[in-house]
Full PDB file with SEQRES, HELIX, SHEET, SSBOND, CRYST1, ORIGX, SCALE, CONECT and MASTER records, all heavy atoms in Angstrom:
SEQRES   1 A   36  THR VAL TYR LEU GLN MET ASN SER LEU LYS PRO GLU ASP          
SEQRES   2 A   36  THR ALA VAL TYR TYR CYS ALA ALA THR PRO ARG LEU PRO          
SEQRES   3 A   36  ASN GLY LEU CYS VAL LEU SER PRO SER VAL                      
HELIX    1 AA1 PRO A   11  ASP A   13  5                                   3    
CRYST1    1.000    1.000    1.000  90.00  90.00  90.00 P 1           1          
ORIGX1      1.000000  0.000000  0.000000        0.00000                         
ORIGX2      0.000000  1.000000  0.000000        0.00000                         
ORIGX3      0.000000  0.000000  1.000000        0.00000                         
SCALE1      1.000000  0.000000  0.000000        0.00000                         
SCALE2      0.000000  1.000000  0.000000        0.00000                         
SCALE3      0.000000  0.000000  1.000000        0.00000                         
ATOM      1  N   THR A   1     109.122   0.570  99.938  1.00  0.00           N  
ATOM      2  CA  THR A   1     108.070  -0.425  99.967  1.00  0.00           C  
ATOM      3  C   THR A   1     108.615  -1.744 100.354  1.00  0.00           C  
ATOM      4  O   THR A   1     109.711  -2.135  99.964  1.00  0.00           O  
ATOM      5  CB  THR A   1     107.376  -0.515  98.611  1.00  0.00           C  
ATOM      6  OG1 THR A   1     106.815   0.770  98.226  1.00  0.00           O  
ATOM      7  CG2 THR A   1     106.208  -1.509  98.648  1.00  0.00           C  
ATOM      8  N   VAL A   2     107.807  -2.477 101.125  1.00  0.00           N  
ATOM      9  CA  VAL A   2     108.150  -3.909 101.443  1.00  0.00           C  
ATOM     10  C   VAL A   2     107.063  -4.781 100.846  1.00  0.00           C  
ATOM     11  O   VAL A   2     105.890  -4.483 100.945  1.00  0.00           O  
ATOM     12  CB  VAL A   2     108.189  -4.100 102.989  1.00  0.00           C  
ATOM     13  CG1 VAL A   2     108.383  -5.600 103.305  1.00  0.00           C  
ATOM     14  CG2 VAL A   2     109.342  -3.268 103.609  1.00  0.00           C  
ATOM     15  N   TYR A   3     107.529  -5.862 100.200  1.00  0.00           N  
ATOM     16  CA  TYR A   3     106.595  -6.684  99.440  1.00  0.00           C  
ATOM     17  C   TYR A   3     106.520  -8.096 100.185  1.00  0.00           C  
ATOM     18  O   TYR A   3     107.456  -8.553 100.844  1.00  0.00           O  
ATOM     19  CB  TYR A   3     107.117  -6.956  98.075  1.00  0.00           C  
ATOM     20  CG  TYR A   3     107.223  -5.698  97.241  1.00  0.00           C  
ATOM     21  CD1 TYR A   3     108.431  -5.097  96.954  1.00  0.00           C  
ATOM     22  CD2 TYR A   3     106.007  -5.114  96.729  1.00  0.00           C  
ATOM     23  CE1 TYR A   3     108.483  -3.928  96.184  1.00  0.00           C  
ATOM     24  CE2 TYR A   3     106.120  -3.919  95.927  1.00  0.00           C  
ATOM     25  CZ  TYR A   3     107.351  -3.374  95.644  1.00  0.00           C  
ATOM     26  OH  TYR A   3     107.435  -2.225  94.939  1.00  0.00           O  
ATOM     27  N   LEU A   4     105.350  -8.751  99.987  1.00  0.00           N  
ATOM     28  CA  LEU A   4     105.248 -10.132 100.326  1.00  0.00           C  
ATOM     29  C   LEU A   4     104.751 -10.849  99.098  1.00  0.00           C  
ATOM     30  O   LEU A   4     103.556 -10.710  98.696  1.00  0.00           O  
ATOM     31  CB  LEU A   4     104.309 -10.332 101.505  1.00  0.00           C  
ATOM     32  CG  LEU A   4     104.193 -11.712 102.032  1.00  0.00           C  
ATOM     33  CD1 LEU A   4     105.489 -12.236 102.668  1.00  0.00           C  
ATOM     34  CD2 LEU A   4     103.007 -11.941 102.997  1.00  0.00           C  
ATOM     35  N   GLN A   5     105.622 -11.596  98.484  1.00  0.00           N  
ATOM     36  CA  GLN A   5     105.252 -12.399  97.300  1.00  0.00           C  
ATOM     37  C   GLN A   5     104.683 -13.684  97.791  1.00  0.00           C  
ATOM     38  O   GLN A   5     105.415 -14.463  98.467  1.00  0.00           O  
ATOM     39  CB  GLN A   5     106.452 -12.602  96.368  1.00  0.00           C  
ATOM     40  CG  GLN A   5     106.168 -13.493  95.190  1.00  0.00           C  
ATOM     41  CD  GLN A   5     105.254 -12.874  94.141  1.00  0.00           C  
ATOM     42  OE1 GLN A   5     105.406 -11.639  93.875  1.00  0.00           O  
ATOM     43  NE2 GLN A   5     104.284 -13.596  93.671  1.00  0.00           N  
ATOM     44  N   MET A   6     103.471 -14.013  97.381  1.00  0.00           N  
ATOM     45  CA  MET A   6     102.828 -15.232  97.846  1.00  0.00           C  
ATOM     46  C   MET A   6     102.504 -16.115  96.689  1.00  0.00           C  
ATOM     47  O   MET A   6     101.775 -15.743  95.786  1.00  0.00           O  
ATOM     48  CB  MET A   6     101.510 -14.832  98.588  1.00  0.00           C  
ATOM     49  CG  MET A   6     101.700 -13.831  99.659  1.00  0.00           C  
ATOM     50  SD  MET A   6     100.197 -13.566 100.644  1.00  0.00           S  
ATOM     51  CE  MET A   6      99.094 -12.820  99.400  1.00  0.00           C  
ATOM     52  N   ASN A   7     103.124 -17.307  96.706  1.00  0.00           N  
ATOM     53  CA  ASN A   7     102.978 -18.232  95.608  1.00  0.00           C  
ATOM     54  C   ASN A   7     102.304 -19.550  96.192  1.00  0.00           C  
ATOM     55  O   ASN A   7     102.293 -19.750  97.349  1.00  0.00           O  
ATOM     56  CB  ASN A   7     104.318 -18.609  94.951  1.00  0.00           C  
ATOM     57  CG  ASN A   7     104.927 -17.409  94.337  1.00  0.00           C  
ATOM     58  OD1 ASN A   7     104.311 -16.514  93.797  1.00  0.00           O  
ATOM     59  ND2 ASN A   7     106.278 -17.358  94.329  1.00  0.00           N  
ATOM     60  N   SER A   8     101.783 -20.343  95.267  1.00  0.00           N  
ATOM     61  CA  SER A   8     101.200 -21.616  95.684  1.00  0.00           C  
ATOM     62  C   SER A   8     100.153 -21.410  96.782  1.00  0.00           C  
ATOM     63  O   SER A   8     100.181 -22.143  97.787  1.00  0.00           O  
ATOM     64  CB  SER A   8     102.286 -22.628  96.103  1.00  0.00           C  
ATOM     65  OG  SER A   8     103.200 -22.853  95.053  1.00  0.00           O  
ATOM     66  N   LEU A   9      99.317 -20.464  96.634  1.00  0.00           N  
ATOM     67  CA  LEU A   9      98.332 -20.136  97.650  1.00  0.00           C  
ATOM     68  C   LEU A   9      97.375 -21.240  97.866  1.00  0.00           C  
ATOM     69  O   LEU A   9      96.956 -21.961  96.935  1.00  0.00           O  
ATOM     70  CB  LEU A   9      97.657 -18.812  97.297  1.00  0.00           C  
ATOM     71  CG  LEU A   9      98.447 -17.571  97.540  1.00  0.00           C  
ATOM     72  CD1 LEU A   9      97.941 -16.374  96.794  1.00  0.00           C  
ATOM     73  CD2 LEU A   9      98.575 -17.252  99.021  1.00  0.00           C  
ATOM     74  N   LYS A  10      96.978 -21.381  99.134  1.00  0.00           N  
ATOM     75  CA  LYS A  10      96.066 -22.442  99.588  1.00  0.00           C  
ATOM     76  C   LYS A  10      94.831 -21.772 100.263  1.00  0.00           C  
ATOM     77  O   LYS A  10      94.946 -20.595 100.702  1.00  0.00           O  
ATOM     78  CB  LYS A  10      96.750 -23.312 100.620  1.00  0.00           C  
ATOM     79  CG  LYS A  10      98.019 -23.953 100.194  1.00  0.00           C  
ATOM     80  CD  LYS A  10      98.689 -24.668 101.281  1.00  0.00           C  
ATOM     81  CE  LYS A  10     100.056 -25.266 100.883  1.00  0.00           C  
ATOM     82  NZ  LYS A  10     100.691 -26.012 102.000  1.00  0.00           N  
ATOM     83  N   PRO A  11      93.726 -22.464 100.284  1.00  0.00           N  
ATOM     84  CA  PRO A  11      92.536 -21.869 100.905  1.00  0.00           C  
ATOM     85  C   PRO A  11      92.767 -21.463 102.381  1.00  0.00           C  
ATOM     86  O   PRO A  11      92.269 -20.470 102.841  1.00  0.00           O  
ATOM     87  CB  PRO A  11      91.546 -23.047 100.845  1.00  0.00           C  
ATOM     88  CG  PRO A  11      91.905 -23.775  99.670  1.00  0.00           C  
ATOM     89  CD  PRO A  11      93.394 -23.708  99.606  1.00  0.00           C  
ATOM     90  N   GLU A  12      93.680 -22.137 103.053  1.00  0.00           N  
ATOM     91  CA  GLU A  12      93.983 -21.842 104.422  1.00  0.00           C  
ATOM     92  C   GLU A  12      94.819 -20.558 104.562  1.00  0.00           C  
ATOM     93  O   GLU A  12      95.120 -20.094 105.659  1.00  0.00           O  
ATOM     94  CB  GLU A  12      94.705 -23.007 105.187  1.00  0.00           C  
ATOM     95  CG  GLU A  12      95.833 -23.565 104.436  1.00  0.00           C  
ATOM     96  CD  GLU A  12      95.511 -24.800 103.583  1.00  0.00           C  
ATOM     97  OE1 GLU A  12      94.457 -24.795 102.948  1.00  0.00           O  
ATOM     98  OE2 GLU A  12      96.316 -25.756 103.628  1.00  0.00           O  
ATOM     99  N   ASP A  13      95.290 -20.011 103.454  1.00  0.00           N  
ATOM    100  CA  ASP A  13      95.938 -18.714 103.490  1.00  0.00           C  
ATOM    101  C   ASP A  13      95.016 -17.527 103.502  1.00  0.00           C  
ATOM    102  O   ASP A  13      95.406 -16.363 103.659  1.00  0.00           O  
ATOM    103  CB  ASP A  13      96.900 -18.550 102.251  1.00  0.00           C  
ATOM    104  CG  ASP A  13      98.021 -19.548 102.312  1.00  0.00           C  
ATOM    105  OD1 ASP A  13      98.633 -19.755 103.333  1.00  0.00           O  
ATOM    106  OD2 ASP A  13      98.334 -20.079 101.196  1.00  0.00           O  
ATOM    107  N   THR A  14      93.712 -17.828 103.423  1.00  0.00           N  
ATOM    108  CA  THR A  14      92.708 -16.821 103.432  1.00  0.00           C  
ATOM    109  C   THR A  14      92.714 -16.060 104.749  1.00  0.00           C  
ATOM    110  O   THR A  14      92.593 -16.729 105.807  1.00  0.00           O  
ATOM    111  CB  THR A  14      91.307 -17.395 103.153  1.00  0.00           C  
ATOM    112  OG1 THR A  14      91.233 -17.932 101.802  1.00  0.00           O  
ATOM    113  CG2 THR A  14      90.229 -16.360 103.343  1.00  0.00           C  
ATOM    114  N   ALA A  15      92.830 -14.757 104.689  1.00  0.00           N  
ATOM    115  CA  ALA A  15      92.929 -13.949 105.916  1.00  0.00           C  
ATOM    116  C   ALA A  15      93.021 -12.478 105.508  1.00  0.00           C  
ATOM    117  O   ALA A  15      93.255 -12.143 104.437  1.00  0.00           O  
ATOM    118  CB  ALA A  15      94.210 -14.380 106.713  1.00  0.00           C  
ATOM    119  N   VAL A  16      92.970 -11.612 106.502  1.00  0.00           N  
ATOM    120  CA  VAL A  16      93.372 -10.240 106.371  1.00  0.00           C  
ATOM    121  C   VAL A  16      94.850 -10.167 106.710  1.00  0.00           C  
ATOM    122  O   VAL A  16      95.310 -10.625 107.769  1.00  0.00           O  
ATOM    123  CB  VAL A  16      92.633  -9.351 107.301  1.00  0.00           C  
ATOM    124  CG1 VAL A  16      93.072  -7.885 107.123  1.00  0.00           C  
ATOM    125  CG2 VAL A  16      91.076  -9.415 106.988  1.00  0.00           C  
ATOM    126  N   TYR A  17      95.641  -9.614 105.844  1.00  0.00           N  
ATOM    127  CA  TYR A  17      97.045  -9.481 105.970  1.00  0.00           C  
ATOM    128  C   TYR A  17      97.408  -8.037 106.393  1.00  0.00           C  
ATOM    129  O   TYR A  17      96.913  -7.071 105.769  1.00  0.00           O  
ATOM    130  CB  TYR A  17      97.774  -9.868 104.679  1.00  0.00           C  
ATOM    131  CG  TYR A  17      97.794 -11.344 104.487  1.00  0.00           C  
ATOM    132  CD1 TYR A  17      96.621 -11.998 104.111  1.00  0.00           C  
ATOM    133  CD2 TYR A  17      98.943 -12.101 104.609  1.00  0.00           C  
ATOM    134  CE1 TYR A  17      96.612 -13.390 103.940  1.00  0.00           C  
ATOM    135  CE2 TYR A  17      99.007 -13.448 104.380  1.00  0.00           C  
ATOM    136  CZ  TYR A  17      97.832 -14.084 104.088  1.00  0.00           C  
ATOM    137  OH  TYR A  17      97.875 -15.440 103.842  1.00  0.00           O  
ATOM    138  N   TYR A  18      98.215  -7.931 107.442  1.00  0.00           N  
ATOM    139  CA  TYR A  18      98.640  -6.689 107.941  1.00  0.00           C  
ATOM    140  C   TYR A  18     100.165  -6.500 107.870  1.00  0.00           C  
ATOM    141  O   TYR A  18     100.859  -7.476 108.142  1.00  0.00           O  
ATOM    142  CB  TYR A  18      98.254  -6.544 109.418  1.00  0.00           C  
ATOM    143  CG  TYR A  18      96.779  -6.646 109.745  1.00  0.00           C  
ATOM    144  CD1 TYR A  18      96.160  -7.906 109.992  1.00  0.00           C  
ATOM    145  CD2 TYR A  18      96.014  -5.550 109.826  1.00  0.00           C  
ATOM    146  CE1 TYR A  18      94.828  -8.024 110.266  1.00  0.00           C  
ATOM    147  CE2 TYR A  18      94.622  -5.559 110.059  1.00  0.00           C  
ATOM    148  CZ  TYR A  18      94.038  -6.865 110.303  1.00  0.00           C  
ATOM    149  OH  TYR A  18      92.746  -6.916 110.552  1.00  0.00           O  
ATOM    150  N   CYS A  19     100.634  -5.341 107.482  1.00  0.00           N  
ATOM    151  CA  CYS A  19     102.035  -5.112 107.705  1.00  0.00           C  
ATOM    152  C   CYS A  19     102.214  -4.235 108.939  1.00  0.00           C  
ATOM    153  O   CYS A  19     101.286  -3.510 109.336  1.00  0.00           O  
ATOM    154  CB  CYS A  19     102.650  -4.453 106.498  1.00  0.00           C  
ATOM    155  SG  CYS A  19     102.245  -2.747 106.189  1.00  0.00           S  
ATOM    156  N   ALA A  20     103.357  -4.371 109.587  1.00  0.00           N  
ATOM    157  CA  ALA A  20     103.681  -3.735 110.800  1.00  0.00           C  
ATOM    158  C   ALA A  20     105.147  -3.371 110.814  1.00  0.00           C  
ATOM    159  O   ALA A  20     105.948  -4.003 110.178  1.00  0.00           O  
ATOM    160  CB  ALA A  20     103.333  -4.664 112.000  1.00  0.00           C  
ATOM    161  N   ALA A  21     105.455  -2.324 111.600  1.00  0.00           N  
ATOM    162  CA  ALA A  21     106.812  -1.835 111.669  1.00  0.00           C  
ATOM    163  C   ALA A  21     107.240  -1.605 113.070  1.00  0.00           C  
ATOM    164  O   ALA A  21     106.445  -1.289 113.942  1.00  0.00           O  
ATOM    165  CB  ALA A  21     106.959  -0.501 110.866  1.00  0.00           C  
ATOM    166  N   THR A  22     108.552  -1.748 113.344  1.00  0.00           N  
ATOM    167  CA  THR A  22     109.086  -1.403 114.620  1.00  0.00           C  
ATOM    168  C   THR A  22     110.502  -0.923 114.484  1.00  0.00           C  
ATOM    169  O   THR A  22     111.285  -1.495 113.642  1.00  0.00           O  
ATOM    170  CB  THR A  22     109.051  -2.599 115.577  1.00  0.00           C  
ATOM    171  OG1 THR A  22     109.638  -2.217 116.854  1.00  0.00           O  
ATOM    172  CG2 THR A  22     109.882  -3.802 115.096  1.00  0.00           C  
ATOM    173  N   PRO A  23     110.854   0.096 115.189  1.00  0.00           N  
ATOM    174  CA  PRO A  23     112.302   0.578 115.205  1.00  0.00           C  
ATOM    175  C   PRO A  23     113.117  -0.041 116.313  1.00  0.00           C  
ATOM    176  O   PRO A  23     114.320   0.188 116.419  1.00  0.00           O  
ATOM    177  CB  PRO A  23     112.124   2.110 115.436  1.00  0.00           C  
ATOM    178  CG  PRO A  23     110.937   2.190 116.315  1.00  0.00           C  
ATOM    179  CD  PRO A  23     110.045   1.097 115.950  1.00  0.00           C  
ATOM    180  N   ARG A  24     112.434  -0.915 117.079  1.00  0.00           N  
ATOM    181  CA  ARG A  24     113.048  -1.403 118.353  1.00  0.00           C  
ATOM    182  C   ARG A  24     114.071  -2.484 118.177  1.00  0.00           C  
ATOM    183  O   ARG A  24     114.806  -2.780 119.097  1.00  0.00           O  
ATOM    184  CB  ARG A  24     111.942  -1.823 119.327  1.00  0.00           C  
ATOM    185  CG  ARG A  24     111.055  -0.699 119.720  1.00  0.00           C  
ATOM    186  CD  ARG A  24     109.902  -1.209 120.636  1.00  0.00           C  
ATOM    187  NE  ARG A  24     109.038  -0.143 121.050  1.00  0.00           N  
ATOM    188  CZ  ARG A  24     107.911  -0.328 121.741  1.00  0.00           C  
ATOM    189  NH1 ARG A  24     107.501  -1.575 122.031  1.00  0.00           N  
ATOM    190  NH2 ARG A  24     107.135   0.661 122.031  1.00  0.00           N  
ATOM    191  N   LEU A  25     114.024  -3.207 117.069  1.00  0.00           N  
ATOM    192  CA  LEU A  25     114.882  -4.330 116.886  1.00  0.00           C  
ATOM    193  C   LEU A  25     116.185  -3.904 116.286  1.00  0.00           C  
ATOM    194  O   LEU A  25     116.207  -3.027 115.422  1.00  0.00           O  
ATOM    195  CB  LEU A  25     114.213  -5.370 115.984  1.00  0.00           C  
ATOM    196  CG  LEU A  25     112.935  -6.016 116.568  1.00  0.00           C  
ATOM    197  CD1 LEU A  25     112.306  -6.969 115.518  1.00  0.00           C  
ATOM    198  CD2 LEU A  25     113.236  -6.812 117.815  1.00  0.00           C  
ATOM    199  N   PRO A  26     117.275  -4.540 116.650  1.00  0.00           N  
ATOM    200  CA  PRO A  26     118.599  -4.160 116.115  1.00  0.00           C  
ATOM    201  C   PRO A  26     118.705  -4.655 114.687  1.00  0.00           C  
ATOM    202  O   PRO A  26     117.912  -5.509 114.250  1.00  0.00           O  
ATOM    203  CB  PRO A  26     119.557  -4.848 117.054  1.00  0.00           C  
ATOM    204  CG  PRO A  26     118.819  -6.029 117.590  1.00  0.00           C  
ATOM    205  CD  PRO A  26     117.443  -5.575 117.723  1.00  0.00           C  
ATOM    206  N   ASN A  27     119.678  -4.108 114.014  1.00  0.00           N  
ATOM    207  CA  ASN A  27     119.976  -4.602 112.647  1.00  0.00           C  
ATOM    208  C   ASN A  27     120.168  -6.098 112.637  1.00  0.00           C  
ATOM    209  O   ASN A  27     120.784  -6.619 113.560  1.00  0.00           O  
ATOM    210  CB  ASN A  27     121.182  -3.878 112.100  1.00  0.00           C  
ATOM    211  CG  ASN A  27     120.932  -2.444 111.691  1.00  0.00           C  
ATOM    212  OD1 ASN A  27     119.861  -2.007 111.742  1.00  0.00           O  
ATOM    213  ND2 ASN A  27     122.017  -1.691 111.457  1.00  0.00           N  
ATOM    214  N   GLY A  28     119.587  -6.732 111.643  1.00  0.00           N  
ATOM    215  CA  GLY A  28     119.841  -8.179 111.506  1.00  0.00           C  
ATOM    216  C   GLY A  28     118.912  -9.042 112.295  1.00  0.00           C  
ATOM    217  O   GLY A  28     119.017 -10.248 112.263  1.00  0.00           O  
ATOM    218  N   LEU A  29     117.989  -8.428 112.987  1.00  0.00           N  
ATOM    219  CA  LEU A  29     117.110  -9.218 113.807  1.00  0.00           C  
ATOM    220  C   LEU A  29     115.606  -8.879 113.457  1.00  0.00           C  
ATOM    221  O   LEU A  29     115.239  -7.723 113.382  1.00  0.00           O  
ATOM    222  CB  LEU A  29     117.318  -9.033 115.294  1.00  0.00           C  
ATOM    223  CG  LEU A  29     116.387  -9.774 116.274  1.00  0.00           C  
ATOM    224  CD1 LEU A  29     116.588 -11.335 116.120  1.00  0.00           C  
ATOM    225  CD2 LEU A  29     116.580  -9.309 117.676  1.00  0.00           C  
ATOM    226  N   CYS A  30     114.806  -9.914 113.248  1.00  0.00           N  
ATOM    227  CA  CYS A  30     113.368  -9.682 113.194  1.00  0.00           C  
ATOM    228  C   CYS A  30     112.681 -10.900 113.838  1.00  0.00           C  
ATOM    229  O   CYS A  30     113.199 -12.022 113.810  1.00  0.00           O  
ATOM    230  CB  CYS A  30     112.887  -9.499 111.820  1.00  0.00           C  
ATOM    231  SG  CYS A  30     112.875 -10.926 110.730  1.00  0.00           S  
ATOM    232  N   VAL A  31     111.586 -10.658 114.500  1.00  0.00           N  
ATOM    233  CA  VAL A  31     110.844 -11.740 115.190  1.00  0.00           C  
ATOM    234  C   VAL A  31     109.416 -11.634 114.825  1.00  0.00           C  
ATOM    235  O   VAL A  31     108.841 -10.542 114.532  1.00  0.00           O  
ATOM    236  CB  VAL A  31     111.041 -11.638 116.740  1.00  0.00           C  
ATOM    237  CG1 VAL A  31     112.456 -11.887 117.106  1.00  0.00           C  
ATOM    238  CG2 VAL A  31     110.568 -10.211 117.250  1.00  0.00           C  
ATOM    239  N   LEU A  32     108.721 -12.734 114.885  1.00  0.00           N  
ATOM    240  CA  LEU A  32     107.296 -12.803 114.448  1.00  0.00           C  
ATOM    241  C   LEU A  32     106.377 -12.666 115.679  1.00  0.00           C  
ATOM    242  O   LEU A  32     105.485 -13.462 115.851  1.00  0.00           O  
ATOM    243  CB  LEU A  32     107.028 -14.090 113.696  1.00  0.00           C  
ATOM    244  CG  LEU A  32     107.771 -14.235 112.310  1.00  0.00           C  
ATOM    245  CD1 LEU A  32     107.570 -15.583 111.678  1.00  0.00           C  
ATOM    246  CD2 LEU A  32     107.274 -13.157 111.420  1.00  0.00           C  
ATOM    247  N   SER A  33     106.648 -11.691 116.465  1.00  0.00           N  
ATOM    248  CA  SER A  33     105.852 -11.446 117.670  1.00  0.00           C  
ATOM    249  C   SER A  33     105.124 -10.133 117.555  1.00  0.00           C  
ATOM    250  O   SER A  33     105.747  -9.082 117.454  1.00  0.00           O  
ATOM    251  CB  SER A  33     106.736 -11.410 118.904  1.00  0.00           C  
ATOM    252  OG  SER A  33     105.964 -11.041 120.027  1.00  0.00           O  
ATOM    253  N   PRO A  34     103.754 -10.151 117.460  1.00  0.00           N  
ATOM    254  CA  PRO A  34     103.084  -8.870 117.264  1.00  0.00           C  
ATOM    255  C   PRO A  34     103.357  -7.833 118.257  1.00  0.00           C  
ATOM    256  O   PRO A  34     103.281  -6.620 117.975  1.00  0.00           O  
ATOM    257  CB  PRO A  34     101.579  -9.392 117.257  1.00  0.00           C  
ATOM    258  CG  PRO A  34     101.599 -10.802 116.903  1.00  0.00           C  
ATOM    259  CD  PRO A  34     102.842 -11.326 117.491  1.00  0.00           C  
ATOM    260  N   SER A  35     103.616  -8.233 119.510  1.00  0.00           N  
ATOM    261  CA  SER A  35     103.814  -7.247 120.593  1.00  0.00           C  
ATOM    262  C   SER A  35     105.078  -6.398 120.367  1.00  0.00           C  
ATOM    263  O   SER A  35     105.153  -5.304 120.958  1.00  0.00           O  
ATOM    264  CB  SER A  35     103.918  -7.978 121.897  1.00  0.00           C  
ATOM    265  OG  SER A  35     105.009  -8.850 121.946  1.00  0.00           O  
ATOM    266  N   VAL A  36     105.958  -6.850 119.515  1.00  0.00           N  
ATOM    267  CA  VAL A  36     107.191  -6.085 119.263  1.00  0.00           C  
ATOM    268  C   VAL A  36     106.960  -4.887 118.324  1.00  0.00           C  
ATOM    269  O   VAL A  36     107.656  -3.903 118.354  1.00  0.00           O  
ATOM    270  CB  VAL A  36     108.269  -7.027 118.681  1.00  0.00           C  
ATOM    271  CG1 VAL A  36     109.499  -6.283 118.228  1.00  0.00           C  
ATOM    272  CG2 VAL A  36     108.666  -8.100 119.660  1.00  0.00           C  
TER     273      VAL A  36                                                      
MASTER        0    0    0    1    0    0    0    6  272    1    0    3          
END                                                                             
């Protein structure tokens, strides 16, 4: 399991939250690009 601990939440954090996975990135690298 992967967790996202969210503290000090603000109204602007209101959203649908999605988790996503990719095997394409090498060890030690992650990027915040949905297309990946």
